[in-house]
């Protein structure tokens, strides 16, 4: 149990630090004011639910997935012009899908390790 608390504390710190860096430190790179917070709230809810169920791997994947998904979003973003002439960018979409996939991978790892331990 003590080992899990350490994992949860470190994962929570990584998640919050990643938010601060992505939201404020890299704002010029992505220009989004609200989306980093939306993903933090989503990740935070998943993080809290994983604490209730005493998960070990989901908090890690949630915390590390936030900055990793941002990096993937920056690398694979695409954009262009919409029919009205507005500039569009899909970094947010790549970031969200990647983040959800990383969290889902954490859920799979969690499930496999729990099944194996029984």
Protein backbone atom coordinates (compact mmCIF):
# COMPACT_ATOMS: atom_id res chain seq x y z
CA UNK A 1 0.00 0.00 0.00
CA UNK A 2 2.84 2.40 0.82
CA UNK A 3 4.37 1.71 -2.59
CA UNK A 4 1.07 2.63 -4.26
CA UNK A 5 0.92 5.94 -2.37
CA UNK A 6 4.36 6.85 -3.64
CA UNK A 7 3.33 5.99 -7.19
CA UNK A 8 0.16 8.08 -6.83
CA UNK A 9 2.00 11.10 -5.43
CA UNK A 10 4.70 11.03 -8.12
CA UNK A 11 2.12 10.45 -10.87
CA UNK A 12 -0.04 13.31 -9.61
CA UNK A 13 2.96 15.63 -9.52
CA UNK A 14 3.96 14.63 -13.07
CA UNK A 15 0.41 15.24 -14.31
CA UNK A 16 0.21 18.70 -12.74
CA UNK A 17 3.70 19.69 -13.83
CA UNK A 18 2.96 18.50 -17.37
CA UNK A 19 -0.15 20.67 -17.42
CA UNK A 20 1.77 23.75 -16.30
CA UNK A 21 4.49 23.19 -18.89
CA UNK A 22 2.09 22.42 -21.75
CA UNK A 23 -0.39 25.17 -20.89
CA UNK A 24 1.94 28.02 -20.01
CA UNK A 25 5.43 27.09 -21.12
CA UNK A 26 4.46 25.86 -24.57
CA UNK A 27 1.54 28.19 -25.27
CA UNK A 28 3.32 29.76 -28.24
CA UNK A 29 3.66 26.30 -29.76
CA UNK A 30 -0.05 25.42 -29.67
CA UNK A 31 -1.98 28.61 -28.87
CA UNK A 32 -4.75 26.81 -26.96
CA UNK A 33 -5.84 28.35 -23.68
CA UNK A 34 -8.62 25.94 -22.63
CA UNK A 35 -7.76 22.57 -24.13
CA UNK A 36 -4.83 21.73 -21.82
CA UNK A 37 -7.17 22.30 -18.85
CA UNK A 38 -9.90 20.14 -20.39
CA UNK A 39 -7.44 17.27 -20.78
CA UNK A 40 -6.10 17.83 -17.26
CA UNK A 41 -9.62 17.59 -15.85
CA UNK A 42 -10.33 14.42 -17.85
CA UNK A 43 -7.01 12.89 -16.78
CA UNK A 44 -7.57 14.04 -13.20
CA UNK A 45 -10.98 12.34 -13.06
CA UNK A 46 -9.52 9.12 -14.39
CA UNK A 47 -6.65 9.49 -11.93
CA UNK A 48 -9.06 9.91 -8.98
CA UNK A 49 -11.19 6.96 -10.08
CA UNK A 50 -8.05 4.84 -10.32
CA UNK A 51 -7.17 5.83 -6.74
CA UNK A 52 -10.59 4.68 -5.52
CA UNK A 53 -10.03 1.29 -7.14
CA UNK A 54 -6.42 1.17 -5.88
CA UNK A 55 -4.96 0.91 -9.37
CA UNK A 56 -1.24 0.91 -9.78
CA UNK A 57 -0.66 1.38 -13.50
CA UNK A 58 -3.48 3.67 -14.63
CA UNK A 59 -2.15 6.68 -12.66
CA UNK A 60 1.28 6.20 -14.23
CA UNK A 61 -0.11 5.94 -17.75
CA UNK A 62 -2.40 8.93 -17.13
CA UNK A 63 0.45 11.11 -15.87
CA UNK A 64 3.04 10.13 -18.46
CA UNK A 65 0.44 10.05 -21.22
CA UNK A 66 -0.36 13.75 -20.90
CA UNK A 67 3.01 15.10 -22.08
CA UNK A 68 3.64 12.13 -24.38
CA UNK A 69 0.31 12.68 -26.14
CA UNK A 70 1.10 16.39 -26.43
CA UNK A 71 4.38 15.55 -28.13
CA UNK A 72 2.61 13.18 -30.52
CA UNK A 73 0.06 15.91 -31.21
CA UNK A 74 2.77 18.42 -32.06
CA UNK A 75 4.50 15.95 -34.35
CA UNK A 76 1.40 14.72 -36.19
CA UNK A 77 -0.79 17.83 -36.19
CA UNK A 78 -2.33 18.92 -39.44
CA UNK A 79 -4.22 21.96 -40.50
CA UNK A 80 -5.30 24.14 -43.34
CA UNK A 81 -8.13 26.46 -44.24
CA UNK A 82 -11.80 25.76 -43.82
CA UNK A 83 -14.35 26.86 -46.47
CA UNK A 84 -14.81 30.23 -44.70
CA UNK A 85 -11.10 30.98 -44.91
CA UNK A 86 -10.33 30.35 -41.25
CA UNK A 87 -7.07 28.68 -40.31
CA UNK A 88 -7.65 25.35 -38.56
CA UNK A 89 -5.29 23.05 -36.72
CA UNK A 90 -5.99 19.55 -35.43
CA UNK A 91 -3.29 19.30 -32.76
CA UNK A 92 -6.04 19.12 -30.12
CA UNK A 93 -7.62 16.10 -31.81
CA UNK A 94 -4.36 14.16 -32.10
CA UNK A 95 -3.52 15.05 -28.49
CA UNK A 96 -6.90 13.87 -27.19
CA UNK A 97 -7.03 10.62 -29.14
CA UNK A 98 -3.45 9.75 -28.22
CA UNK A 99 -4.07 10.58 -24.55
CA UNK A 100 -7.18 8.39 -24.43
CA UNK A 101 -5.29 5.54 -26.12
CA UNK A 102 -2.46 5.78 -23.58
CA UNK A 103 -4.94 5.72 -20.69
CA UNK A 104 -6.73 2.77 -22.27
CA UNK A 105 -3.38 0.98 -22.56
CA UNK A 106 -2.90 1.61 -18.84
CA UNK A 107 -6.29 0.05 -18.20
CA UNK A 108 -5.32 -3.01 -20.22
CA UNK A 109 -2.03 -3.37 -18.33
CA UNK A 110 -3.91 -2.93 -15.04
CA UNK A 111 -6.43 -5.59 -15.98
CA UNK A 112 -3.79 -8.04 -17.16
CA UNK A 113 -1.70 -7.69 -13.99
CA UNK A 114 -4.75 -8.07 -11.75
CA UNK A 115 -5.88 -11.14 -13.67
CA UNK A 116 -2.38 -12.62 -13.52
CA UNK A 117 -2.10 -12.06 -9.76
CA UNK A 118 -5.34 -13.93 -9.06
